[in-house]
Amino acid sequence: MMEPMLAPKPTPLPLLEVSGVSKTVPGGRVLFSDLQLSVESGEFVAIMGESGAGKSTLLNLIAGLDTPDAGSIAIEGEALEQLGDDDRTRLRRRTIGFVFQAFHVLPHLTLAQNVALPLVLLQTGGKPALERASEMLAAVGLAGRDRDYPQQLSGGELQRVAIARALVHHPSLILADEPTGNLDPETAARILDLFSSEIRRSGVSVVLATHSHIAASVANRVHMLTRSGLIPA
């Protein structure tokens, strides 16, 4: 008697799939065209390039904050171009943590309130959100600073707050835009160690945009952004 044939298991989709993406800026300058990028769960990818190459624009496209001229971007199998504004916002809030170069920490909120913001946007407010924020502040070396305000912190400490906020809601994907660009070399090295250790601990995927070879060295793989797309470095 013949054994029944088993259906092949479906191949898991990449966490992030960027296919044939092109983008121009006002004036007609091409930033990049036919850009391809695939990122698996738990993978750490660095995108390098000089200022003006389009690294920040690429992160904004991946986050759904901007739209490409051509091509497709999918996160967890959901194509951003097929989503309306509200659904794109919900997907971004649920799946993405963003570490901005300029921190974007709100000065009128305490550190715990700043870190808890992604949870509040996901309708997890009150005590549970502040408790989770306190855990993340401790994880990045700011235990006991929950009720402090951003103006009491150094640049390196503010970047730690930004990292804690990006990770607080257990996102699938971290987008980091020059996270050490405003820091001195010693502080930058500490932040990179902290960032990479927190990423390993949480198991999320990361796309890091940087012009720094030192920052890129913490990634699993590195690509250079050119007008023709991404080139493995």
N, C-alpha and C. Protein backbone atom coordinates (compact mmCIF):
# COMPACT_ATOMS: atom_id res chain seq x y z
N MET A 1 0.85 -1.20 0.00
CA MET A 1 0.00 0.00 0.00
C MET A 1 0.88 1.24 0.00
N MET A 2 0.60 2.15 -0.92
CA MET A 2 1.43 3.33 -1.01
C MET A 2 1.10 4.31 0.11
N GLU A 3 2.18 4.89 0.66
CA GLU A 3 2.00 5.93 1.67
C GLU A 3 1.44 7.19 1.00
N PRO A 4 0.48 7.87 1.67
CA PRO A 4 -0.04 9.11 1.08
C PRO A 4 1.04 10.17 1.03
N MET A 5 1.03 10.92 -0.05
CA MET A 5 2.01 11.99 -0.19
C MET A 5 1.65 13.15 0.73
N LEU A 6 2.67 13.64 1.44
CA LEU A 6 2.46 14.77 2.33
C LEU A 6 2.63 16.07 1.56
N ALA A 7 1.73 16.99 1.83
CA ALA A 7 1.83 18.30 1.18
C ALA A 7 3.07 19.02 1.71
N PRO A 8 3.83 19.67 0.83
CA PRO A 8 5.02 20.38 1.30
C PRO A 8 4.63 21.52 2.23
N LYS A 9 5.47 21.72 3.25
CA LYS A 9 5.21 22.82 4.17
C LYS A 9 5.45 24.14 3.46
N PRO A 10 4.58 25.11 3.69
CA PRO A 10 4.77 26.41 3.03
C PRO A 10 6.05 27.09 3.53
N THR A 11 6.75 27.74 2.62
CA THR A 11 7.95 28.46 3.00
C THR A 11 7.56 29.71 3.78
N PRO A 12 8.12 29.91 4.99
CA PRO A 12 7.74 31.09 5.76
C PRO A 12 8.15 32.38 5.04
N LEU A 13 7.30 33.37 5.11
CA LEU A 13 7.58 34.65 4.48
C LEU A 13 8.63 35.41 5.28
N PRO A 14 9.48 36.20 4.60
CA PRO A 14 10.38 37.07 5.34
C PRO A 14 9.58 38.07 6.17
N LEU A 15 10.16 38.52 7.26
CA LEU A 15 9.49 39.54 8.06
C LEU A 15 9.30 40.81 7.24
N LEU A 16 10.34 41.20 6.50
CA LEU A 16 10.29 42.40 5.66
C LEU A 16 10.71 42.05 4.25
N GLU A 17 9.92 42.47 3.28
CA GLU A 17 10.24 42.23 1.87
C GLU A 17 10.06 43.54 1.11
N VAL A 18 11.18 44.07 0.61
CA VAL A 18 11.17 45.28 -0.21
C VAL A 18 11.49 44.86 -1.64
N SER A 19 10.56 45.12 -2.58
CA SER A 19 10.71 44.59 -3.93
C SER A 19 10.58 45.71 -4.97
N GLY A 20 11.67 45.94 -5.71
CA GLY A 20 11.63 46.87 -6.84
C GLY A 20 11.27 48.30 -6.47
N VAL A 21 11.68 48.75 -5.31
CA VAL A 21 11.27 50.07 -4.83
C VAL A 21 12.15 51.17 -5.44
N SER A 22 11.50 52.21 -5.90
CA SER A 22 12.18 53.38 -6.46
C SER A 22 11.66 54.64 -5.77
N LYS A 23 12.54 55.65 -5.65
CA LYS A 23 12.12 56.90 -5.03
C LYS A 23 12.94 58.05 -5.59
N THR A 24 12.22 59.11 -5.99
CA THR A 24 12.85 60.36 -6.41
C THR A 24 12.45 61.45 -5.43
N VAL A 25 13.22 62.52 -5.39
CA VAL A 25 12.93 63.65 -4.52
C VAL A 25 12.51 64.83 -5.39
N PRO A 26 11.87 65.86 -4.80
CA PRO A 26 11.49 67.04 -5.59
C PRO A 26 12.67 67.58 -6.40
N GLY A 27 12.42 67.86 -7.66
CA GLY A 27 13.49 68.27 -8.56
C GLY A 27 13.89 67.16 -9.49
N GLY A 28 13.39 65.93 -9.20
CA GLY A 28 13.63 64.81 -10.09
C GLY A 28 14.87 63.99 -9.80
N ARG A 29 15.60 64.29 -8.71
CA ARG A 29 16.80 63.49 -8.41
C ARG A 29 16.40 62.11 -7.93
N VAL A 30 16.99 61.09 -8.55
CA VAL A 30 16.70 59.71 -8.18
C VAL A 30 17.54 59.33 -6.96
N LEU A 31 16.86 58.95 -5.87
CA LEU A 31 17.58 58.46 -4.70
C LEU A 31 18.03 57.02 -4.93
N PHE A 32 17.10 56.18 -5.36
CA PHE A 32 17.41 54.79 -5.66
C PHE A 32 16.30 54.23 -6.53
N SER A 33 16.63 53.16 -7.26
CA SER A 33 15.64 52.52 -8.13
C SER A 33 15.81 51.01 -8.06
N ASP A 34 14.68 50.30 -8.22
CA ASP A 34 14.65 48.83 -8.21
C ASP A 34 15.35 48.25 -7.00
N LEU A 35 15.08 48.84 -5.84
CA LEU A 35 15.75 48.40 -4.60
C LEU A 35 15.10 47.13 -4.09
N GLN A 36 15.95 46.16 -3.72
CA GLN A 36 15.48 44.88 -3.20
C GLN A 36 16.09 44.66 -1.82
N LEU A 37 15.27 44.22 -0.86
CA LEU A 37 15.77 43.91 0.47
C LEU A 37 14.84 42.91 1.13
N SER A 38 15.40 41.84 1.66
CA SER A 38 14.63 40.85 2.39
C SER A 38 15.27 40.65 3.76
N VAL A 39 14.47 40.74 4.81
CA VAL A 39 14.97 40.61 6.18
C VAL A 39 14.17 39.54 6.89
N GLU A 40 14.87 38.55 7.42
CA GLU A 40 14.23 37.46 8.14
C GLU A 40 14.04 37.83 9.61
N SER A 41 13.19 37.09 10.29
CA SER A 41 12.99 37.31 11.72
C SER A 41 14.30 37.12 12.47
N GLY A 42 14.60 38.04 13.38
CA GLY A 42 15.81 37.97 14.19
C GLY A 42 17.07 38.44 13.50
N GLU A 43 16.97 38.95 12.26
CA GLU A 43 18.14 39.37 11.51
C GLU A 43 18.43 40.85 11.75
N PHE A 44 19.72 41.20 11.76
CA PHE A 44 20.19 42.57 11.99
C PHE A 44 20.92 43.03 10.73
N VAL A 45 20.32 43.99 10.01
CA VAL A 45 20.86 44.46 8.74
C VAL A 45 21.22 45.93 8.86
N ALA A 46 22.42 46.29 8.41
CA ALA A 46 22.85 47.69 8.40
C ALA A 46 22.83 48.21 6.97
N ILE A 47 22.29 49.41 6.80
CA ILE A 47 22.29 50.10 5.51
C ILE A 47 23.24 51.29 5.63
N MET A 48 24.32 51.28 4.84
CA MET A 48 25.29 52.36 4.89
C MET A 48 25.16 53.27 3.67
N GLY A 49 25.72 54.45 3.79
CA GLY A 49 25.70 55.41 2.70
C GLY A 49 26.00 56.79 3.22
N GLU A 50 26.46 57.66 2.34
CA GLU A 50 26.76 59.03 2.74
C GLU A 50 25.48 59.81 3.03
N SER A 51 25.64 60.96 3.68
CA SER A 51 24.49 61.84 3.90
C SER A 51 23.86 62.20 2.57
N GLY A 52 22.54 62.12 2.50
CA GLY A 52 21.83 62.43 1.27
C GLY A 52 21.62 61.25 0.35
N ALA A 53 22.14 60.06 0.74
CA ALA A 53 21.98 58.88 -0.11
C ALA A 53 20.56 58.34 -0.10
N GLY A 54 19.79 58.69 0.93
CA GLY A 54 18.41 58.22 1.00
C GLY A 54 18.15 57.21 2.10
N LYS A 55 19.07 57.08 3.06
CA LYS A 55 18.90 56.09 4.12
C LYS A 55 17.65 56.37 4.96
N SER A 56 17.50 57.63 5.39
CA SER A 56 16.33 57.99 6.20
C SER A 56 15.05 57.82 5.38
N THR A 57 15.10 58.18 4.11
CA THR A 57 13.93 58.02 3.24
C THR A 57 13.54 56.55 3.15
N LEU A 58 14.52 55.66 3.01
CA LEU A 58 14.23 54.23 2.94
C LEU A 58 13.54 53.75 4.21
N LEU A 59 14.03 54.18 5.37
CA LEU A 59 13.38 53.78 6.63
C LEU A 59 11.96 54.31 6.70
N ASN A 60 11.74 55.54 6.25
CA ASN A 60 10.39 56.09 6.25
C ASN A 60 9.46 55.33 5.31
N LEU A 61 9.99 54.86 4.19
CA LEU A 61 9.20 54.03 3.28
C LEU A 61 8.82 52.71 3.94
N ILE A 62 9.80 52.07 4.59
CA ILE A 62 9.53 50.80 5.27
C ILE A 62 8.49 50.97 6.37
N ALA A 63 8.55 52.11 7.06
CA ALA A 63 7.60 52.37 8.15
C ALA A 63 6.23 52.80 7.65
N GLY A 64 6.09 53.01 6.35
CA GLY A 64 4.82 53.48 5.82
C GLY A 64 4.56 54.94 6.07
N LEU A 65 5.61 55.71 6.41
CA LEU A 65 5.47 57.14 6.62
C LEU A 65 5.58 57.91 5.31
N ASP A 66 6.06 57.24 4.29
CA ASP A 66 6.19 57.81 2.95
C ASP A 66 5.87 56.69 1.96
N THR A 67 5.60 57.04 0.71
CA THR A 67 5.25 56.03 -0.28
C THR A 67 6.26 56.04 -1.42
N PRO A 68 6.64 54.86 -1.92
CA PRO A 68 7.59 54.79 -3.04
C PRO A 68 6.94 55.19 -4.34
N ASP A 69 7.76 55.56 -5.32
CA ASP A 69 7.26 55.86 -6.66
C ASP A 69 6.88 54.57 -7.39
N ALA A 70 7.56 53.49 -7.06
CA ALA A 70 7.28 52.20 -7.68
C ALA A 70 7.73 51.12 -6.72
N GLY A 71 7.20 49.91 -6.89
CA GLY A 71 7.63 48.79 -6.07
C GLY A 71 6.68 48.50 -4.92
N SER A 72 7.05 47.51 -4.12
CA SER A 72 6.20 47.03 -3.04
C SER A 72 7.02 46.82 -1.77
N ILE A 73 6.40 47.09 -0.63
CA ILE A 73 7.00 46.84 0.68
C ILE A 73 5.99 46.06 1.50
N ALA A 74 6.40 44.90 2.01
CA ALA A 74 5.51 44.06 2.80
C ALA A 74 6.14 43.77 4.15
N ILE A 75 5.36 43.87 5.21
CA ILE A 75 5.78 43.53 6.56
C ILE A 75 4.87 42.44 7.08
N GLU A 76 5.48 41.33 7.50
CA GLU A 76 4.72 40.16 7.94
C GLU A 76 3.67 39.76 6.91
N GLY A 77 4.05 39.88 5.63
CA GLY A 77 3.18 39.45 4.54
C GLY A 77 2.12 40.46 4.12
N GLU A 78 2.04 41.59 4.79
CA GLU A 78 1.06 42.61 4.45
C GLU A 78 1.71 43.70 3.60
N ALA A 79 1.24 43.87 2.38
CA ALA A 79 1.79 44.87 1.47
C ALA A 79 1.26 46.25 1.86
N LEU A 80 2.17 47.18 2.14
CA LEU A 80 1.76 48.49 2.62
C LEU A 80 0.90 49.22 1.61
N GLU A 81 1.21 49.05 0.31
CA GLU A 81 0.47 49.79 -0.71
C GLU A 81 -0.98 49.33 -0.82
N GLN A 82 -1.30 48.18 -0.24
CA GLN A 82 -2.67 47.68 -0.28
C GLN A 82 -3.48 48.08 0.96
N LEU A 83 -2.84 48.81 1.88
CA LEU A 83 -3.50 49.21 3.12
C LEU A 83 -3.89 50.68 3.05
N GLY A 84 -5.02 51.01 3.64
CA GLY A 84 -5.40 52.40 3.82
C GLY A 84 -4.58 53.04 4.93
N ASP A 85 -4.73 54.34 5.09
CA ASP A 85 -3.93 55.06 6.08
C ASP A 85 -4.12 54.50 7.49
N ASP A 86 -5.36 54.22 7.88
CA ASP A 86 -5.63 53.74 9.24
C ASP A 86 -5.01 52.37 9.46
N ASP A 87 -5.16 51.47 8.49
CA ASP A 87 -4.58 50.12 8.63
C ASP A 87 -3.06 50.18 8.63
N ARG A 88 -2.49 51.08 7.83
CA ARG A 88 -1.04 51.23 7.81
C ARG A 88 -0.54 51.74 9.17
N THR A 89 -1.28 52.66 9.75
CA THR A 89 -0.91 53.18 11.07
C THR A 89 -0.97 52.08 12.12
N ARG A 90 -2.03 51.27 12.07
CA ARG A 90 -2.15 50.18 13.04
C ARG A 90 -1.03 49.16 12.88
N LEU A 91 -0.68 48.83 11.63
CA LEU A 91 0.41 47.89 11.39
C LEU A 91 1.72 48.46 11.93
N ARG A 92 1.96 49.73 11.68
CA ARG A 92 3.20 50.38 12.15
C ARG A 92 3.27 50.36 13.68
N ARG A 93 2.18 50.71 14.32
CA ARG A 93 2.17 50.75 15.79
C ARG A 93 2.39 49.37 16.39
N ARG A 94 1.86 48.35 15.73
CA ARG A 94 1.94 46.99 16.27
C ARG A 94 3.29 46.35 16.03
N THR A 95 3.87 46.58 14.86
CA THR A 95 5.01 45.77 14.45
C THR A 95 6.35 46.49 14.46
N ILE A 96 6.35 47.84 14.52
CA ILE A 96 7.59 48.59 14.32
C ILE A 96 7.96 49.41 15.55
N GLY A 97 9.24 49.40 15.89
CA GLY A 97 9.80 50.33 16.85
C GLY A 97 10.82 51.20 16.12
N PHE A 98 10.75 52.52 16.30
CA PHE A 98 11.60 53.45 15.55
C PHE A 98 12.54 54.15 16.52
N VAL A 99 13.85 54.05 16.25
CA VAL A 99 14.86 54.80 17.01
C VAL A 99 15.33 55.94 16.13
N PHE A 100 14.96 57.16 16.49
CA PHE A 100 15.28 58.32 15.67
C PHE A 100 16.64 58.90 16.06
N GLN A 101 17.31 59.49 15.08
CA GLN A 101 18.60 60.13 15.34
C GLN A 101 18.45 61.27 16.34
N ALA A 102 17.36 62.02 16.25
CA ALA A 102 17.16 63.18 17.11
C ALA A 102 16.35 62.82 18.36
N PHE A 103 16.24 61.54 18.69
CA PHE A 103 15.60 61.02 19.90
C PHE A 103 14.07 61.15 19.86
N HIS A 104 13.54 62.37 19.60
CA HIS A 104 12.10 62.63 19.62
C HIS A 104 11.48 62.22 20.95
N VAL A 105 12.16 62.53 22.04
CA VAL A 105 11.62 62.32 23.38
C VAL A 105 10.84 63.57 23.76
N LEU A 106 9.62 63.39 24.27
CA LEU A 106 8.74 64.53 24.55
C LEU A 106 9.12 65.17 25.89
N PRO A 107 9.46 66.46 25.89
CA PRO A 107 10.02 67.09 27.10
C PRO A 107 9.03 67.23 28.25
N HIS A 108 7.72 67.26 27.96
CA HIS A 108 6.73 67.47 29.01
C HIS A 108 6.27 66.17 29.67
N LEU A 109 6.79 65.05 29.21
CA LEU A 109 6.46 63.75 29.80
C LEU A 109 7.64 63.21 30.59
N THR A 110 7.36 62.44 31.63
CA THR A 110 8.43 61.76 32.35
C THR A 110 9.05 60.69 31.46
N LEU A 111 10.18 60.15 31.91
CA LEU A 111 10.83 59.10 31.13
C LEU A 111 9.91 57.89 30.98
N ALA A 112 9.24 57.50 32.07
CA ALA A 112 8.34 56.35 31.99
C ALA A 112 7.18 56.62 31.04
N GLN A 113 6.65 57.83 31.07
CA GLN A 113 5.55 58.17 30.17
C GLN A 113 6.01 58.17 28.71
N ASN A 114 7.22 58.66 28.46
CA ASN A 114 7.77 58.63 27.11
C ASN A 114 7.91 57.20 26.61
N VAL A 115 8.47 56.33 27.43
CA VAL A 115 8.70 54.95 27.02
C VAL A 115 7.38 54.22 26.84
N ALA A 116 6.38 54.57 27.64
CA ALA A 116 5.08 53.87 27.58
C ALA A 116 4.23 54.29 26.38
N LEU A 117 4.62 55.32 25.65
CA LEU A 117 3.78 55.85 24.57
C LEU A 117 3.32 54.79 23.56
N PRO A 118 4.21 53.91 23.06
CA PRO A 118 3.73 52.90 22.11
C PRO A 118 2.64 52.01 22.69
N LEU A 119 2.73 51.71 23.97
CA LEU A 119 1.70 50.88 24.61
C LEU A 119 0.38 51.65 24.72
N VAL A 120 0.48 52.93 25.05
CA VAL A 120 -0.73 53.75 25.13
C VAL A 120 -1.43 53.81 23.77
N LEU A 121 -0.65 53.95 22.71
CA LEU A 121 -1.22 53.99 21.36
C LEU A 121 -1.87 52.66 20.98
N LEU A 122 -1.41 51.58 21.62
CA LEU A 122 -2.00 50.26 21.39
C LEU A 122 -3.09 49.93 22.40
N GLN A 123 -3.58 50.95 23.08
CA GLN A 123 -4.67 50.81 24.04
C GLN A 123 -4.28 50.04 25.29
N THR A 124 -2.98 50.01 25.61
CA THR A 124 -2.53 49.42 26.87
C THR A 124 -1.99 50.55 27.73
N GLY A 125 -2.87 51.18 28.47
CA GLY A 125 -2.47 52.34 29.26
C GLY A 125 -2.39 52.04 30.74
N GLY A 126 -2.29 53.11 31.54
CA GLY A 126 -2.34 52.99 32.98
C GLY A 126 -1.16 52.26 33.58
N LYS A 127 -1.44 51.57 34.68
CA LYS A 127 -0.40 50.93 35.46
C LYS A 127 0.39 49.88 34.68
N PRO A 128 -0.27 48.97 33.90
CA PRO A 128 0.52 47.97 33.16
C PRO A 128 1.53 48.61 32.22
N ALA A 129 1.15 49.70 31.54
CA ALA A 129 2.06 50.35 30.60
C ALA A 129 3.25 50.96 31.34
N LEU A 130 2.99 51.61 32.48
CA LEU A 130 4.08 52.24 33.24
C LEU A 130 4.99 51.19 33.86
N GLU A 131 4.42 50.05 34.27
CA GLU A 131 5.26 48.98 34.81
C GLU A 131 6.17 48.40 33.74
N ARG A 132 5.64 48.19 32.56
CA ARG A 132 6.47 47.70 31.44
C ARG A 132 7.53 48.73 31.07
N ALA A 133 7.17 50.02 31.08
CA ALA A 133 8.13 51.08 30.78
C ALA A 133 9.25 51.10 31.82
N SER A 134 8.89 50.88 33.08
CA SER A 134 9.90 50.84 34.14
C SER A 134 10.87 49.69 33.93
N GLU A 135 10.34 48.54 33.50
CA GLU A 135 11.20 47.39 33.20
C GLU A 135 12.19 47.72 32.10
N MET A 136 11.71 48.39 31.06
CA MET A 136 12.59 48.71 29.94
C MET A 136 13.62 49.77 30.31
N LEU A 137 13.25 50.73 31.13
CA LEU A 137 14.22 51.72 31.59
C LEU A 137 15.33 51.04 32.39
N ALA A 138 14.95 50.08 33.23
CA ALA A 138 15.96 49.33 33.97
C ALA A 138 16.85 48.53 33.03
N ALA A 139 16.25 47.98 31.98
CA ALA A 139 17.02 47.16 31.04
C ALA A 139 18.08 47.97 30.31
N VAL A 140 17.82 49.27 30.11
CA VAL A 140 18.79 50.11 29.41
C VAL A 140 19.64 50.94 30.37
N GLY A 141 19.63 50.55 31.65
CA GLY A 141 20.52 51.20 32.61
C GLY A 141 19.99 52.47 33.24
N LEU A 142 18.67 52.66 33.21
CA LEU A 142 18.07 53.86 33.80
C LEU A 142 17.07 53.50 34.89
N ALA A 143 17.39 52.50 35.66
CA ALA A 143 16.51 52.09 36.76
C ALA A 143 16.35 53.24 37.76
N GLY A 144 15.15 53.42 38.24
CA GLY A 144 14.89 54.45 39.22
C GLY A 144 14.72 55.85 38.66
N ARG A 145 14.77 55.98 37.33
CA ARG A 145 14.66 57.31 36.71
C ARG A 145 13.28 57.56 36.10
N ASP A 146 12.32 56.72 36.44
CA ASP A 146 10.99 56.76 35.82
C ASP A 146 10.37 58.16 35.84
N ARG A 147 10.52 58.86 36.95
CA ARG A 147 9.82 60.14 37.11
C ARG A 147 10.68 61.33 36.74
N ASP A 148 11.89 61.08 36.26
CA ASP A 148 12.73 62.18 35.76
C ASP A 148 12.18 62.68 34.43
N TYR A 149 12.64 63.87 34.04
CA TYR A 149 12.23 64.46 32.76
C TYR A 149 13.42 64.50 31.81
N PRO A 150 13.16 64.54 30.51
CA PRO A 150 14.25 64.48 29.52
C PRO A 150 15.33 65.54 29.72
N GLN A 151 14.98 66.73 30.18
CA GLN A 151 15.98 67.79 30.33
C GLN A 151 17.00 67.47 31.42
N GLN A 152 16.74 66.43 32.21
CA GLN A 152 17.68 66.03 33.25
C GLN A 152 18.71 65.01 32.73
N LEU A 153 18.62 64.64 31.46
CA LEU A 153 19.44 63.56 30.93
C LEU A 153 20.49 64.07 29.95
N SER A 154 21.56 63.30 29.81
CA SER A 154 22.57 63.55 28.79
C SER A 154 22.10 62.99 27.45
N GLY A 155 22.86 63.30 26.38
CA GLY A 155 22.51 62.77 25.07
C GLY A 155 22.50 61.25 25.03
N GLY A 156 23.49 60.63 25.65
CA GLY A 156 23.54 59.18 25.68
C GLY A 156 22.38 58.58 26.44
N GLU A 157 21.97 59.24 27.53
CA GLU A 157 20.83 58.75 28.31
C GLU A 157 19.53 58.91 27.53
N LEU A 158 19.40 60.00 26.80
CA LEU A 158 18.21 60.19 25.96
C LEU A 158 18.12 59.11 24.89
N GLN A 159 19.27 58.72 24.34
CA GLN A 159 19.24 57.67 23.34
C GLN A 159 18.83 56.34 23.97
N ARG A 160 19.21 56.11 25.22
CA ARG A 160 18.75 54.90 25.92
C ARG A 160 17.23 54.92 26.07
N VAL A 161 16.67 56.08 26.38
CA VAL A 161 15.22 56.19 26.48
C VAL A 161 14.58 55.86 25.14
N ALA A 162 15.17 56.36 24.05
CA ALA A 162 14.63 56.08 22.71
C ALA A 162 14.67 54.59 22.40
N ILE A 163 15.74 53.91 22.82
CA ILE A 163 15.84 52.47 22.59
C ILE A 163 14.79 51.73 23.41
N ALA A 164 14.63 52.13 24.68
CA ALA A 164 13.62 51.49 25.54
C ALA A 164 12.23 51.67 24.95
N ARG A 165 11.94 52.86 24.44
CA ARG A 165 10.62 53.13 23.85
C ARG A 165 10.40 52.29 22.59
N ALA A 166 11.45 52.10 21.80
CA ALA A 166 11.31 51.32 20.57
C ALA A 166 11.04 49.85 20.85
N LEU A 167 11.49 49.36 21.99
CA LEU A 167 11.37 47.93 22.30
C LEU A 167 10.22 47.60 23.24
N VAL A 168 9.58 48.61 23.83
CA VAL A 168 8.66 48.38 24.95
C VAL A 168 7.45 47.54 24.56
N HIS A 169 6.99 47.65 23.31
CA HIS A 169 5.76 46.97 22.91
C HIS A 169 6.02 45.67 22.16
N HIS A 170 7.23 45.13 22.31
CA HIS A 170 7.60 43.86 21.67
C HIS A 170 7.37 43.89 20.17
N PRO A 171 7.95 44.86 19.45
CA PRO A 171 7.74 44.92 17.99
C PRO A 171 8.47 43.79 17.29
N SER A 172 8.08 43.54 16.05
CA SER A 172 8.76 42.55 15.23
C SER A 172 9.99 43.14 14.54
N LEU A 173 9.95 44.46 14.30
CA LEU A 173 10.97 45.12 13.49
C LEU A 173 11.37 46.43 14.13
N ILE A 174 12.69 46.64 14.29
CA ILE A 174 13.23 47.91 14.75
C ILE A 174 13.86 48.63 13.57
N LEU A 175 13.50 49.89 13.38
CA LEU A 175 14.13 50.76 12.39
C LEU A 175 14.93 51.81 13.16
N ALA A 176 16.24 51.86 12.92
CA ALA A 176 17.12 52.76 13.67
C ALA A 176 17.83 53.69 12.70
N ASP A 177 17.57 54.99 12.83
CA ASP A 177 18.11 55.99 11.91
C ASP A 177 19.27 56.72 12.57
N GLU A 178 20.50 56.36 12.19
CA GLU A 178 21.72 56.98 12.74
C GLU A 178 21.63 57.08 14.27
N PRO A 179 21.43 55.97 14.98
CA PRO A 179 21.17 56.06 16.42
C PRO A 179 22.36 56.58 17.23
N THR A 180 23.55 56.63 16.63
CA THR A 180 24.71 57.16 17.35
C THR A 180 25.25 58.43 16.71
N GLY A 181 24.48 59.00 15.78
CA GLY A 181 24.99 60.13 15.01
C GLY A 181 25.26 61.38 15.83
N ASN A 182 24.54 61.58 16.95
CA ASN A 182 24.71 62.78 17.76
C ASN A 182 25.56 62.54 19.01
N LEU A 183 26.24 61.41 19.08
CA LEU A 183 26.94 61.03 20.31
C LEU A 183 28.44 61.03 20.11
N ASP A 184 29.17 61.29 21.21
CA ASP A 184 30.62 61.19 21.15
C ASP A 184 31.01 59.72 21.02
N PRO A 185 32.25 59.42 20.56
CA PRO A 185 32.63 58.03 20.27
C PRO A 185 32.47 57.08 21.47
N GLU A 186 32.83 57.53 22.66
CA GLU A 186 32.74 56.64 23.83
C GLU A 186 31.28 56.32 24.15
N THR A 187 30.42 57.36 24.15
CA THR A 187 29.00 57.13 24.40
C THR A 187 28.39 56.30 23.29
N ALA A 188 28.79 56.55 22.04
CA ALA A 188 28.27 55.78 20.91
C ALA A 188 28.59 54.30 21.05
N ALA A 189 29.81 53.99 21.49
CA ALA A 189 30.20 52.59 21.67
C ALA A 189 29.34 51.92 22.74
N ARG A 190 29.06 52.65 23.83
CA ARG A 190 28.22 52.08 24.90
C ARG A 190 26.80 51.86 24.40
N ILE A 191 26.28 52.82 23.63
CA ILE A 191 24.92 52.68 23.12
C ILE A 191 24.82 51.51 22.15
N LEU A 192 25.85 51.32 21.31
CA LEU A 192 25.84 50.20 20.37
C LEU A 192 25.85 48.86 21.10
N ASP A 193 26.67 48.76 22.15
CA ASP A 193 26.69 47.53 22.95
C ASP A 193 25.32 47.27 23.56
N LEU A 194 24.73 48.33 24.12
CA LEU A 194 23.42 48.21 24.73
C LEU A 194 22.37 47.82 23.69
N PHE A 195 22.41 48.50 22.56
CA PHE A 195 21.43 48.26 21.50
C PHE A 195 21.49 46.83 21.01
N SER A 196 22.70 46.37 20.70
CA SER A 196 22.84 45.01 20.16
C SER A 196 22.47 43.96 21.19
N SER A 197 22.79 44.19 22.47
CA SER A 197 22.44 43.21 23.49
C SER A 197 20.93 43.14 23.71
N GLU A 198 20.27 44.29 23.68
CA GLU A 198 18.82 44.31 23.83
C GLU A 198 18.13 43.64 22.63
N ILE A 199 18.69 43.84 21.45
CA ILE A 199 18.14 43.21 20.26
C ILE A 199 18.26 41.69 20.36
N ARG A 200 19.45 41.22 20.76
CA ARG A 200 19.64 39.77 20.91
C ARG A 200 18.69 39.21 21.95
N ARG A 201 18.50 39.94 23.03
CA ARG A 201 17.65 39.46 24.12
C ARG A 201 16.19 39.36 23.68
N SER A 202 15.73 40.33 22.89
CA SER A 202 14.32 40.37 22.50
C SER A 202 14.05 39.60 21.21
N GLY A 203 15.08 39.35 20.39
CA GLY A 203 14.92 38.55 19.18
C GLY A 203 14.21 39.24 18.04
N VAL A 204 14.17 40.58 18.03
CA VAL A 204 13.51 41.28 16.95
C VAL A 204 14.45 41.43 15.76
N SER A 205 13.88 41.81 14.61
CA SER A 205 14.69 42.13 13.44
C SER A 205 15.01 43.62 13.46
N VAL A 206 16.15 43.97 12.84
CA VAL A 206 16.60 45.36 12.86
C VAL A 206 17.07 45.78 11.48
N VAL A 207 16.68 46.98 11.06
CA VAL A 207 17.29 47.64 9.92
C VAL A 207 17.89 48.94 10.45
N LEU A 208 19.20 49.03 10.41
CA LEU A 208 19.95 50.16 10.95
C LEU A 208 20.52 50.99 9.81
N ALA A 209 20.18 52.28 9.75
CA ALA A 209 20.73 53.18 8.75
C ALA A 209 21.86 53.98 9.39
N THR A 210 23.04 53.96 8.78
CA THR A 210 24.18 54.64 9.38
C THR A 210 25.24 54.95 8.32
N HIS A 211 26.06 55.96 8.61
CA HIS A 211 27.24 56.20 7.78
C HIS A 211 28.49 55.72 8.50
N SER A 212 28.32 55.15 9.71
CA SER A 212 29.43 54.76 10.56
C SER A 212 29.77 53.27 10.38
N HIS A 213 31.01 52.98 10.01
CA HIS A 213 31.44 51.58 9.93
C HIS A 213 31.41 50.92 11.31
N ILE A 214 31.67 51.69 12.36
CA ILE A 214 31.65 51.13 13.72
C ILE A 214 30.23 50.70 14.07
N ALA A 215 29.26 51.55 13.77
CA ALA A 215 27.87 51.19 14.06
C ALA A 215 27.44 49.98 13.24
N ALA A 216 27.85 49.94 11.97
CA ALA A 216 27.46 48.83 11.10
C ALA A 216 28.07 47.50 11.52
N SER A 217 29.17 47.57 12.28
CA SER A 217 29.88 46.34 12.65
C SER A 217 29.07 45.42 13.56
N VAL A 218 28.01 45.94 14.20
CA VAL A 218 27.20 45.10 15.08
C VAL A 218 26.16 44.29 14.30
N ALA A 219 26.02 44.56 12.99
CA ALA A 219 24.98 43.90 12.19
C ALA A 219 25.45 42.54 11.68
N ASN A 220 24.46 41.71 11.31
CA ASN A 220 24.75 40.42 10.69
C ASN A 220 25.22 40.58 9.25
N ARG A 221 24.66 41.55 8.55
CA ARG A 221 25.09 41.85 7.19
C ARG A 221 24.93 43.34 6.92
N VAL A 222 25.72 43.81 5.95
CA VAL A 222 25.80 45.24 5.67
C VAL A 222 25.59 45.47 4.17
N HIS A 223 24.81 46.49 3.82
CA HIS A 223 24.60 46.87 2.43
C HIS A 223 24.91 48.34 2.25
N MET A 224 25.43 48.70 1.09
CA MET A 224 25.63 50.09 0.72
C MET A 224 24.44 50.54 -0.13
N LEU A 225 23.87 51.70 0.21
CA LEU A 225 22.78 52.25 -0.57
C LEU A 225 23.30 53.12 -1.69
N THR A 226 22.94 52.76 -2.92
CA THR A 226 23.36 53.52 -4.11
C THR A 226 22.12 53.86 -4.93
N ARG A 227 22.31 54.64 -5.98
CA ARG A 227 21.18 55.00 -6.84
C ARG A 227 20.61 53.77 -7.54
N SER A 228 21.42 52.72 -7.68
CA SER A 228 20.98 51.48 -8.34
C SER A 228 20.39 50.48 -7.35
N GLY A 229 20.28 50.86 -6.08
CA GLY A 229 19.75 49.96 -5.07
C GLY A 229 20.79 49.63 -4.01
N LEU A 230 20.66 48.45 -3.41
CA LEU A 230 21.55 48.03 -2.33
C LEU A 230 22.60 47.07 -2.85
N ILE A 231 23.85 47.31 -2.44
CA ILE A 231 24.97 46.47 -2.81
C ILE A 231 25.58 45.87 -1.56
N PRO A 232 25.73 44.55 -1.47
CA PRO A 232 26.36 43.95 -0.27
C PRO A 232 27.75 44.53 -0.05
N ALA A 233 28.03 44.88 1.21
CA ALA A 233 29.34 45.47 1.55
C ALA A 233 30.22 44.42 2.19
